Amino acid sequence: MKRLLVVVDYQNDLVSGPLGFPQAKKIDKKIADKIMQYHTNHDVVGFALNYHTRKYLGTQEGQYLPILHCIEGTEGAELYGETGKVRKEQDRQFESSTFGAASFFRHLDNAQRSAAHANVKAFRSIELVGIVTNTSLLADAILAKTACPEVPIYVDASCVASPSRKANEEALDIMESMQIIVTNRRQKASAIGPWALDATNAQKPLKKASSDASPSHSASVFLDDTDIENLKNSGSDASIKHSATKRNPAYTGTADITVPDGVSASEDSTAPMKPISNDDE
């Protein structure tokens, strides 16, 4: 039984073109490497691709998003970068002019029906990577779960991206709530001070940390450029253990910081950091 990898909408116009964004470019090599791994293992690779006609602006989507993109026959509709180079002739293609690929669902549904007659699963697993996490990728993941409810559905968080960090994280939350397995997902956040995210289960609510906490503690937090600069200039309040790495196109990043004894998050809006709630962007 083979695994199926589906690369969603990783096309020039959506990565580096009119609808492109920086984080989309950063996952190119990871996606290409994963495709090659599937090829090496003789598993199945497919591409769910977004295509439009010149009449796009007259469609419902075109009214909401009046930006021409992925027009059939143009370079903008072709696969981006290294990902496009590692595609093989035998790889499958699922075309769509909207967020979810109906042809992808039909393929999975037919495969599942055929497999059911032999009392087996259609695939050992189905994994999705690509863009945009909160639109097409989310839609295709739901279609996969619907067509093949007994096949494990995976989404590799290190191989997906969205222009919005908040939307990206919320989409991953939604998928996890639907029993889609999200791999390689960083711990969402740990708040500085007495509140801490339970690292054993990111879906558990925040809980009060023990009063017996050590004199200093580390926390992995989401940072934007202002936070990083404030932390660098904050003196004894906190120290960055290593440089923050850009996480997504919303110019956010993560860094491990060490918080000295007695330092906690301030309610002052000028404080370098604060506990992160589910509503923070």
C-alpha atoms as a PDB file:
ATOM      1  CA  MET A   1       0.000   0.000   0.000  1.00  0.00           C
ATOM      2  CA  LYS A   2       1.440   3.355  -1.039  1.00  0.00           C
ATOM      3  CA  ARG A   3       1.467   6.790   0.512  1.00  0.00           C
ATOM      4  CA  LEU A   4       0.143   9.838  -1.337  1.00  0.00           C
ATOM      5  CA  LEU A   5       1.744  13.284  -1.230  1.00  0.00           C
ATOM      6  CA  VAL A   6      -0.271  16.218  -2.570  1.00  0.00           C
ATOM      7  CA  VAL A   7       1.369  19.584  -3.253  1.00  0.00           C
ATOM      8  CA  VAL A   8      -1.240  22.342  -3.174  1.00  0.00           C
ATOM      9  CA  ASP A   9      -1.120  25.501  -5.322  1.00  0.00           C
ATOM     10  CA  TYR A  10       2.659  25.896  -5.281  1.00  0.00           C
ATOM     11  CA  GLN A  11       2.645  28.018  -8.448  1.00  0.00           C
ATOM     12  CA  ASN A  12       4.615  31.083  -9.533  1.00  0.00           C
ATOM     13  CA  ASP A  13       1.812  33.640  -9.216  1.00  0.00           C
ATOM     14  CA  LEU A  14       0.979  32.413  -5.709  1.00  0.00           C
ATOM     15  CA  VAL A  15       4.581  32.186  -4.481  1.00  0.00           C
ATOM     16  CA  SER A  16       6.501  35.037  -6.116  1.00  0.00           C
ATOM     17  CA  GLY A  17       3.923  36.721  -8.358  1.00  0.00           C
ATOM     18  CA  PRO A  18       1.007  39.089  -7.687  1.00  0.00           C
ATOM     19  CA  LEU A  19      -0.294  36.951  -4.816  1.00  0.00           C
ATOM     20  CA  GLY A  20       3.092  35.790  -3.585  1.00  0.00           C
ATOM     21  CA  PHE A  21       4.536  36.339  -0.104  1.00  0.00           C
ATOM     22  CA  PRO A  22       7.988  35.805   1.446  1.00  0.00           C
ATOM     23  CA  GLN A  23       7.260  32.732   3.543  1.00  0.00           C
ATOM     24  CA  ALA A  24       5.934  30.864   0.517  1.00  0.00           C
ATOM     25  CA  LYS A  25       9.365  31.046  -1.099  1.00  0.00           C
ATOM     26  CA  LYS A  26      11.098  29.727   2.011  1.00  0.00           C
ATOM     27  CA  ILE A  27       9.399  26.330   1.929  1.00  0.00           C
ATOM     28  CA  ASP A  28      10.420  25.527  -1.669  1.00  0.00           C
ATOM     29  CA  LYS A  29      13.404  23.321  -0.837  1.00  0.00           C
ATOM     30  CA  LYS A  30      11.553  21.469   1.906  1.00  0.00           C
ATOM     31  CA  ILE A  31       8.703  20.657  -0.459  1.00  0.00           C
ATOM     32  CA  ALA A  32      11.111  19.590  -3.215  1.00  0.00           C
ATOM     33  CA  ASP A  33      13.025  17.348  -0.794  1.00  0.00           C
ATOM     34  CA  LYS A  34       9.800  15.724   0.352  1.00  0.00           C
ATOM     35  CA  ILE A  35       8.715  15.077  -3.247  1.00  0.00           C
ATOM     36  CA  MET A  36      12.032  13.383  -3.959  1.00  0.00           C
ATOM     37  CA  GLN A  37      11.652  11.221  -0.858  1.00  0.00           C
ATOM     38  CA  TYR A  38       8.257  10.033  -2.065  1.00  0.00           C
ATOM     39  CA  HIS A  39       9.684   9.331  -5.521  1.00  0.00           C
ATOM     40  CA  THR A  40      12.584   7.375  -4.026  1.00  0.00           C
ATOM     41  CA  ASN A  41      10.160   5.257  -2.006  1.00  0.00           C
ATOM     42  CA  HIS A  42       7.983   4.647  -5.095  1.00  0.00           C
ATOM     43  CA  ASP A  43       5.036   6.353  -3.451  1.00  0.00           C
ATOM     44  CA  VAL A  44       2.485   8.537  -5.239  1.00  0.00           C
ATOM     45  CA  VAL A  45       2.905  12.289  -5.786  1.00  0.00           C
ATOM     46  CA  GLY A  46       0.143  14.601  -6.962  1.00  0.00           C
ATOM     47  CA  PHE A  47      -0.249  18.320  -7.562  1.00  0.00           C
ATOM     48  CA  ALA A  48      -3.468  20.206  -6.845  1.00  0.00           C
ATOM     49  CA  LEU A  49      -3.147  23.253  -9.087  1.00  0.00           C
ATOM     50  CA  ASN A  50      -5.124  26.461  -9.391  1.00  0.00           C
ATOM     51  CA  TYR A  51      -6.074  27.517 -12.924  1.00  0.00           C
ATOM     52  CA  HIS A  52      -8.158  30.411 -14.198  1.00  0.00           C
ATOM     53  CA  THR A  53      -9.205  31.798 -17.586  1.00  0.00           C
ATOM     54  CA  ARG A  54      -8.977  35.374 -18.825  1.00  0.00           C
ATOM     55  CA  LYS A  55     -12.570  35.776 -17.668  1.00  0.00           C
ATOM     56  CA  TYR A  56     -11.461  35.402 -14.049  1.00  0.00           C
ATOM     57  CA  LEU A  57     -12.436  38.949 -13.038  1.00  0.00           C
ATOM     58  CA  GLY A  58     -16.042  38.131 -13.918  1.00  0.00           C
ATOM     59  CA  THR A  59     -16.177  35.187 -11.523  1.00  0.00           C
ATOM     60  CA  GLN A  60     -17.310  35.306  -7.908  1.00  0.00           C
ATOM     61  CA  GLU A  61     -13.730  34.850  -6.705  1.00  0.00           C
ATOM     62  CA  GLY A  62     -12.621  37.612  -9.067  1.00  0.00           C
ATOM     63  CA  GLN A  63     -15.091  40.002  -7.460  1.00  0.00           C
ATOM     64  CA  TYR A  64     -13.639  39.306  -4.015  1.00  0.00           C
ATOM     65  CA  LEU A  65     -10.029  39.106  -5.203  1.00  0.00           C
ATOM     66  CA  PRO A  66      -9.675  41.210  -8.366  1.00  0.00           C
ATOM     67  CA  ILE A  67      -6.100  40.178  -9.144  1.00  0.00           C
ATOM     68  CA  LEU A  68      -5.382  38.080 -12.224  1.00  0.00           C
ATOM     69  CA  HIS A  69      -3.359  34.983 -11.332  1.00  0.00           C
ATOM     70  CA  CYS A  70      -2.626  31.464 -12.510  1.00  0.00           C
ATOM     71  CA  ILE A  71      -4.082  32.059 -15.965  1.00  0.00           C
ATOM     72  CA  GLU A  72      -3.944  28.859 -18.019  1.00  0.00           C
ATOM     73  CA  GLY A  73      -0.980  28.763 -20.378  1.00  0.00           C
ATOM     74  CA  THR A  74       1.005  31.486 -18.604  1.00  0.00           C
ATOM     75  CA  GLU A  75       4.262  31.191 -16.679  1.00  0.00           C
ATOM     76  CA  GLY A  76       2.455  32.340 -13.566  1.00  0.00           C
ATOM     77  CA  ALA A  77       0.433  29.134 -13.525  1.00  0.00           C
ATOM     78  CA  GLU A  78       3.521  26.902 -13.608  1.00  0.00           C
ATOM     79  CA  LEU A  79       5.073  25.267 -10.548  1.00  0.00           C
ATOM     80  CA  TYR A  80       7.566  27.388  -8.642  1.00  0.00           C
ATOM     81  CA  GLY A  81      11.296  26.862  -8.220  1.00  0.00           C
ATOM     82  CA  GLU A  82      12.869  23.574  -7.153  1.00  0.00           C
ATOM     83  CA  THR A  83       9.445  22.090  -6.603  1.00  0.00           C
ATOM     84  CA  GLY A  84       8.693  22.415 -10.306  1.00  0.00           C
ATOM     85  CA  LYS A  85      12.059  20.920 -11.265  1.00  0.00           C
ATOM     86  CA  VAL A  86      11.555  17.674  -9.329  1.00  0.00           C
ATOM     87  CA  ARG A  87       8.130  16.931 -10.743  1.00  0.00           C
ATOM     88  CA  LYS A  88       7.997  13.742 -12.794  1.00  0.00           C
ATOM     89  CA  GLU A  89       5.832  12.853 -15.764  1.00  0.00           C
ATOM     90  CA  GLN A  90       3.993  10.146 -13.841  1.00  0.00           C
ATOM     91  CA  ASP A  91       2.948  12.513 -11.057  1.00  0.00           C
ATOM     92  CA  ARG A  92      -0.760  13.181 -10.939  1.00  0.00           C
ATOM     93  CA  GLN A  93      -2.450  16.523 -11.415  1.00  0.00           C
ATOM     94  CA  PHE A  94      -5.701  17.808  -9.964  1.00  0.00           C
ATOM     95  CA  GLU A  95      -6.948  21.087 -11.416  1.00  0.00           C
ATOM     96  CA  SER A  96      -9.285  23.551  -9.776  1.00  0.00           C
ATOM     97  CA  SER A  97     -10.544  27.082 -10.291  1.00  0.00           C
ATOM     98  CA  THR A  98     -11.564  27.426  -6.654  1.00  0.00           C
ATOM     99  CA  PHE A  99     -10.131  26.655  -3.227  1.00  0.00           C
ATOM    100  CA  GLY A 100     -10.782  22.927  -3.043  1.00  0.00           C
ATOM    101  CA  ALA A 101      -9.983  20.658  -5.999  1.00  0.00           C
ATOM    102  CA  ALA A 102     -13.104  18.658  -6.882  1.00  0.00           C
ATOM    103  CA  SER A 103     -11.035  16.410  -9.142  1.00  0.00           C
ATOM    104  CA  PHE A 104      -8.828  15.579  -6.153  1.00  0.00           C
ATOM    105  CA  PHE A 105     -11.875  14.546  -4.130  1.00  0.00           C
ATOM    106  CA  ARG A 106     -13.242  12.429  -7.000  1.00  0.00           C
ATOM    107  CA  HIS A 107      -9.903  10.665  -7.376  1.00  0.00           C
ATOM    108  CA  LEU A 108      -9.753   9.841  -3.670  1.00  0.00           C
ATOM    109  CA  ASP A 109     -13.404   8.844  -3.520  1.00  0.00           C
ATOM    110  CA  ASN A 110     -13.022   6.448  -6.460  1.00  0.00           C
ATOM    111  CA  ALA A 111      -9.840   4.997  -4.979  1.00  0.00           C
ATOM    112  CA  GLN A 112     -11.551   4.515  -1.625  1.00  0.00           C
ATOM    113  CA  ARG A 113     -14.566   2.792  -3.188  1.00  0.00           C
ATOM    114  CA  SER A 114     -12.345   0.423  -5.140  1.00  0.00           C
ATOM    115  CA  ALA A 115     -10.249  -0.348  -2.079  1.00  0.00           C
ATOM    116  CA  ALA A 116     -13.322  -0.981   0.055  1.00  0.00           C
ATOM    117  CA  HIS A 117     -14.282  -3.939  -2.151  1.00  0.00           C
ATOM    118  CA  ALA A 118     -10.963  -5.535  -1.229  1.00  0.00           C
ATOM    119  CA  ASN A 119     -11.405  -4.521   2.432  1.00  0.00           C
ATOM    120  CA  VAL A 120      -8.283  -2.346   2.356  1.00  0.00           C
ATOM    121  CA  LYS A 121      -7.521   1.362   2.518  1.00  0.00           C
ATOM    122  CA  ALA A 122      -6.970   3.436  -0.599  1.00  0.00           C
ATOM    123  CA  PHE A 123      -3.594   4.687   0.683  1.00  0.00           C
ATOM    124  CA  ARG A 124      -1.385   4.029   3.674  1.00  0.00           C
ATOM    125  CA  SER A 125      -1.496   7.778   4.324  1.00  0.00           C
ATOM    126  CA  ILE A 126      -2.191  11.082   2.570  1.00  0.00           C
ATOM    127  CA  GLU A 127       0.065  14.068   3.222  1.00  0.00           C
ATOM    128  CA  LEU A 128      -0.535  17.661   2.094  1.00  0.00           C
ATOM    129  CA  VAL A 129       1.969  20.491   1.701  1.00  0.00           C
ATOM    130  CA  GLY A 130       1.906  23.858  -0.064  1.00  0.00           C
ATOM    131  CA  ILE A 131      -0.119  27.064   0.132  1.00  0.00           C
ATOM    132  CA  VAL A 132      -2.211  28.794   1.321  1.00  0.00           C
ATOM    133  CA  THR A 133      -2.721  27.065   4.679  1.00  0.00           C
ATOM    134  CA  ASN A 134      -6.023  28.758   5.529  1.00  0.00           C
ATOM    135  CA  THR A 135      -7.616  28.522   2.059  1.00  0.00           C
ATOM    136  CA  SER A 136      -6.818  25.918  -0.584  1.00  0.00           C
ATOM    137  CA  LEU A 137      -4.713  23.660   1.614  1.00  0.00           C
ATOM    138  CA  LEU A 138      -7.337  23.614   4.357  1.00  0.00           C
ATOM    139  CA  ALA A 139     -10.065  22.875   1.791  1.00  0.00           C
ATOM    140  CA  ASP A 140      -8.109  20.018   0.208  1.00  0.00           C
ATOM    141  CA  ALA A 141      -7.252  18.530   3.603  1.00  0.00           C
ATOM    142  CA  ILE A 142     -10.957  18.458   4.471  1.00  0.00           C
ATOM    143  CA  LEU A 143     -11.755  16.861   1.108  1.00  0.00           C
ATOM    144  CA  ALA A 144      -9.129  14.182   1.766  1.00  0.00           C
ATOM    145  CA  LYS A 145     -10.570  13.492   5.220  1.00  0.00           C
ATOM    146  CA  THR A 146     -14.075  13.309   3.761  1.00  0.00           C
ATOM    147  CA  ALA A 147     -13.164  10.939   0.923  1.00  0.00           C
ATOM    148  CA  CYS A 148     -10.897   8.660   2.986  1.00  0.00           C
ATOM    149  CA  PRO A 149     -12.006   8.876   6.632  1.00  0.00           C
ATOM    150  CA  GLU A 150      -9.966   5.826   7.715  1.00  0.00           C
ATOM    151  CA  VAL A 151      -6.743   6.896   6.004  1.00  0.00           C
ATOM    152  CA  PRO A 152      -4.409   8.989   8.186  1.00  0.00           C
ATOM    153  CA  ILE A 153      -4.265  12.525   6.787  1.00  0.00           C
ATOM    154  CA  TYR A 154      -1.084  14.489   7.497  1.00  0.00           C
ATOM    155  CA  VAL A 155      -0.156  18.149   7.044  1.00  0.00           C
ATOM    156  CA  ASP A 156       3.514  19.068   7.470  1.00  0.00           C
ATOM    157  CA  ALA A 157       3.513  22.465   9.209  1.00  0.00           C
ATOM    158  CA  SER A 158       7.082  23.145   8.042  1.00  0.00           C
ATOM    159  CA  CYS A 159       5.957  22.821   4.400  1.00  0.00           C
ATOM    160  CA  VAL A 160       2.904  25.094   4.447  1.00  0.00           C
ATOM    161  CA  ALA A 161       2.552  28.865   4.552  1.00  0.00           C
ATOM    162  CA  SER A 162       0.076  31.723   4.688  1.00  0.00           C
ATOM    163  CA  PRO A 163       0.457  35.514   4.408  1.00  0.00           C
ATOM    164  CA  SER A 164      -0.988  35.736   7.926  1.00  0.00           C
ATOM    165  CA  ARG A 165       0.607  34.004  10.915  1.00  0.00           C
ATOM    166  CA  LYS A 166      -2.685  34.140  12.801  1.00  0.00           C
ATOM    167  CA  ALA A 167      -4.638  32.602   9.922  1.00  0.00           C
ATOM    168  CA  ASN A 168      -1.936  29.959   9.443  1.00  0.00           C
ATOM    169  CA  GLU A 169      -2.087  28.892  13.094  1.00  0.00           C
ATOM    170  CA  GLU A 170      -5.880  28.952  13.187  1.00  0.00           C
ATOM    171  CA  ALA A 171      -6.065  26.760  10.084  1.00  0.00           C
ATOM    172  CA  LEU A 172      -3.696  24.248  11.682  1.00  0.00           C
ATOM    173  CA  ASP A 173      -5.865  24.318  14.810  1.00  0.00           C
ATOM    174  CA  ILE A 174      -8.965  23.590  12.731  1.00  0.00           C
ATOM    175  CA  MET A 175      -7.282  20.678  10.981  1.00  0.00           C
ATOM    176  CA  GLU A 176      -6.106  19.204  14.260  1.00  0.00           C
ATOM    177  CA  SER A 177      -9.644  19.486  15.636  1.00  0.00           C
ATOM    178  CA  MET A 178     -10.794  17.369  12.674  1.00  0.00           C
ATOM    179  CA  GLN A 179      -8.249  14.635  13.498  1.00  0.00           C
ATOM    180  CA  ILE A 180      -5.911  15.659  10.695  1.00  0.00           C
ATOM    181  CA  ILE A 181      -2.384  15.043  11.967  1.00  0.00           C
ATOM    182  CA  VAL A 182      -0.207  18.178  11.892  1.00  0.00           C
ATOM    183  CA  THR A 183       3.482  17.326  12.015  1.00  0.00           C
ATOM    184  CA  ASN A 184       6.554  19.515  12.609  1.00  0.00           C
ATOM    185  CA  ARG A 185       4.505  22.192  14.290  1.00  0.00           C
ATOM    186  CA  ARG A 186       6.398  24.421  16.680  1.00  0.00           C
ATOM    187  CA  GLN A 187       5.009  24.896  20.155  1.00  0.00           C
ATOM    188  CA  LYS A 188       2.551  27.703  19.650  1.00  0.00           C
ATOM    189  CA  ALA A 189       3.759  29.963  22.475  1.00  0.00           C
ATOM    190  CA  SER A 190       4.822  30.059  26.081  1.00  0.00           C
ATOM    191  CA  ALA A 191       3.841  33.137  28.012  1.00  0.00           C
ATOM    192  CA  ILE A 192       6.394  34.937  30.137  1.00  0.00           C
ATOM    193  CA  GLY A 193       5.541  35.083  33.787  1.00  0.00           C
ATOM    194  CA  PRO A 194       3.165  32.939  35.821  1.00  0.00           C
ATOM    195  CA  TRP A 195       1.118  31.640  32.876  1.00  0.00           C
ATOM    196  CA  ALA A 196       2.508  28.846  30.704  1.00  0.00           C
ATOM    197  CA  LEU A 197       1.225  26.801  27.786  1.00  0.00           C
ATOM    198  CA  ASP A 198       1.128  23.083  28.548  1.00  0.00           C
ATOM    199  CA  ALA A 199       3.832  21.789  26.208  1.00  0.00           C
ATOM    200  CA  THR A 200       2.543  18.218  26.443  1.00  0.00           C
ATOM    201  CA  ASN A 201      -0.637  19.112  24.609  1.00  0.00           C
ATOM    202  CA  ALA A 202      -0.926  22.364  22.686  1.00  0.00           C
ATOM    203  CA  GLN A 203      -4.716  21.992  22.600  1.00  0.00           C
ATOM    204  CA  LYS A 204      -5.030  22.174  26.408  1.00  0.00           C
ATOM    205  CA  PRO A 205      -5.970  25.549  27.933  1.00  0.00           C
ATOM    206  CA  LEU A 206      -3.437  27.761  29.625  1.00  0.00           C
ATOM    207  CA  LYS A 207      -2.802  26.847  33.237  1.00  0.00           C
ATOM    208  CA  LYS A 208      -1.148  28.561  36.186  1.00  0.00           C
ATOM    209  CA  ALA A 209       2.505  27.656  36.523  1.00  0.00           C
ATOM    210  CA  SER A 210       3.804  26.281  39.789  1.00  0.00           C
ATOM    211  CA  SER A 211       4.919  28.792  42.409  1.00  0.00           C
ATOM    212  CA  ASP A 212       8.002  26.601  42.868  1.00  0.00           C
ATOM    213  CA  ALA A 213       9.362  27.581  39.475  1.00  0.00           C
ATOM    214  CA  SER A 214      13.119  27.908  39.160  1.00  0.00           C
ATOM    215  CA  PRO A 215      14.720  31.389  39.597  1.00  0.00           C
ATOM    216  CA  SER A 216      14.938  31.782  35.838  1.00  0.00           C
ATOM    217  CA  HIS A 217      13.078  30.012  33.086  1.00  0.00           C
ATOM    218  CA  SER A 218      13.045  29.835  29.307  1.00  0.00           C
ATOM    219  CA  ALA A 219      10.093  30.334  27.030  1.00  0.00           C
ATOM    220  CA  SER A 220       9.574  30.023  23.301  1.00  0.00           C
ATOM    221  CA  VAL A 221       7.463  32.925  22.108  1.00  0.00           C
ATOM    222  CA  PHE A 222       6.216  34.545  18.923  1.00  0.00           C
ATOM    223  CA  LEU A 223       8.052  37.757  18.143  1.00  0.00           C
ATOM    224  CA  ASP A 224       7.694  40.519  15.613  1.00  0.00           C
ATOM    225  CA  ASP A 225      10.465  42.926  14.635  1.00  0.00           C
ATOM    226  CA  THR A 226       9.461  45.433  17.329  1.00  0.00           C
ATOM    227  CA  ASP A 227       9.492  42.741  20.021  1.00  0.00           C
ATOM    228  CA  ILE A 228      12.940  41.597  18.962  1.00  0.00           C
ATOM    229  CA  GLU A 229      14.320  45.146  19.073  1.00  0.00           C
ATOM    230  CA  ASN A 230      12.689  45.802  22.439  1.00  0.00           C
ATOM    231  CA  LEU A 231      14.167  42.634  23.870  1.00  0.00           C
ATOM    232  CA  LYS A 232      17.623  43.576  22.654  1.00  0.00           C
ATOM    233  CA  ASN A 233      17.309  46.960  24.351  1.00  0.00           C
ATOM    234  CA  SER A 234      15.541  45.804  27.504  1.00  0.00           C
ATOM    235  CA  GLY A 235      18.640  45.278  29.645  1.00  0.00           C
ATOM    236  CA  SER A 236      17.937  43.006  32.584  1.00  0.00           C
ATOM    237  CA  ASP A 237      14.315  42.295  31.712  1.00  0.00           C
ATOM    238  CA  ALA A 238      15.160  39.481  29.282  1.00  0.00           C
ATOM    239  CA  SER A 239      17.969  38.208  27.148  1.00  0.00           C
ATOM    240  CA  ILE A 240      17.750  36.515  23.743  1.00  0.00           C
ATOM    241  CA  LYS A 241      19.595  33.215  23.776  1.00  0.00           C
ATOM    242  CA  HIS A 242      19.857  33.080  20.014  1.00  0.00           C
ATOM    243  CA  SER A 243      18.708  35.128  17.077  1.00  0.00           C
ATOM    244  CA  ALA A 244      15.056  34.921  16.192  1.00  0.00           C
ATOM    245  CA  THR A 245      14.247  33.247  12.926  1.00  0.00           C
ATOM    246  CA  LYS A 246      11.629  34.650  10.622  1.00  0.00           C
ATOM    247  CA  ARG A 247       8.611  32.395  10.733  1.00  0.00           C
ATOM    248  CA  ASN A 248       6.180  33.795   8.199  1.00  0.00           C
ATOM    249  CA  PRO A 249       5.337  36.756   5.969  1.00  0.00           C
ATOM    250  CA  ALA A 250       3.621  38.661   8.748  1.00  0.00           C
ATOM    251  CA  TYR A 251       7.192  39.458   9.894  1.00  0.00           C
ATOM    252  CA  THR A 252       6.920  37.344  12.989  1.00  0.00           C
ATOM    253  CA  GLY A 253       9.515  35.021  14.368  1.00  0.00           C
ATOM    254  CA  THR A 254      10.376  32.903  17.338  1.00  0.00           C
ATOM    255  CA  ALA A 255      13.176  33.064  19.846  1.00  0.00           C
ATOM    256  CA  ASP A 256      14.075  31.332  23.060  1.00  0.00           C
ATOM    257  CA  ILE A 257      14.468  33.879  25.832  1.00  0.00           C
ATOM    258  CA  THR A 258      15.657  33.607  29.422  1.00  0.00           C
ATOM    259  CA  VAL A 259      13.564  35.444  31.979  1.00  0.00           C
ATOM    260  CA  PRO A 260      15.397  36.389  35.213  1.00  0.00           C
ATOM    261  CA  ASP A 261      13.901  35.833  38.648  1.00  0.00           C
ATOM    262  CA  GLY A 262      11.074  38.208  39.466  1.00  0.00           C
ATOM    263  CA  VAL A 263      10.491  39.327  35.896  1.00  0.00           C
ATOM    264  CA  SER A 264       6.984  38.806  34.584  1.00  0.00           C
ATOM    265  CA  ALA A 265       4.858  40.210  31.807  1.00  0.00           C
ATOM    266  CA  SER A 266       3.768  43.765  32.359  1.00  0.00           C
ATOM    267  CA  GLU A 267       0.331  45.100  31.540  1.00  0.00           C
ATOM    268  CA  ASP A 268       2.052  48.225  30.269  1.00  0.00           C
ATOM    269  CA  SER A 269       1.660  48.353  26.482  1.00  0.00           C
ATOM    270  CA  THR A 270       5.319  49.318  26.205  1.00  0.00           C
ATOM    271  CA  ALA A 271       6.519  46.096  27.849  1.00  0.00           C
ATOM    272  CA  PRO A 272       8.825  44.102  25.586  1.00  0.00           C
ATOM    273  CA  MET A 273       6.652  40.991  25.753  1.00  0.00           C
ATOM    274  CA  LYS A 274       3.329  39.879  27.165  1.00  0.00           C
ATOM    275  CA  PRO A 275       1.454  36.589  27.588  1.00  0.00           C
ATOM    276  CA  ILE A 276       0.014  35.561  24.249  1.00  0.00           C
ATOM    277  CA  SER A 277      -3.695  34.846  24.108  1.00  0.00           C
ATOM    278  CA  ASN A 278      -5.592  33.032  21.409  1.00  0.00           C
ATOM    279  CA  ASP A 279      -6.731  36.382  20.059  1.00  0.00           C
ATOM    280  CA  ASP A 280      -3.247  37.834  19.561  1.00  0.00           C
ATOM    281  CA  GLU A 281      -2.089  38.319  16.031  1.00  0.00           C
END
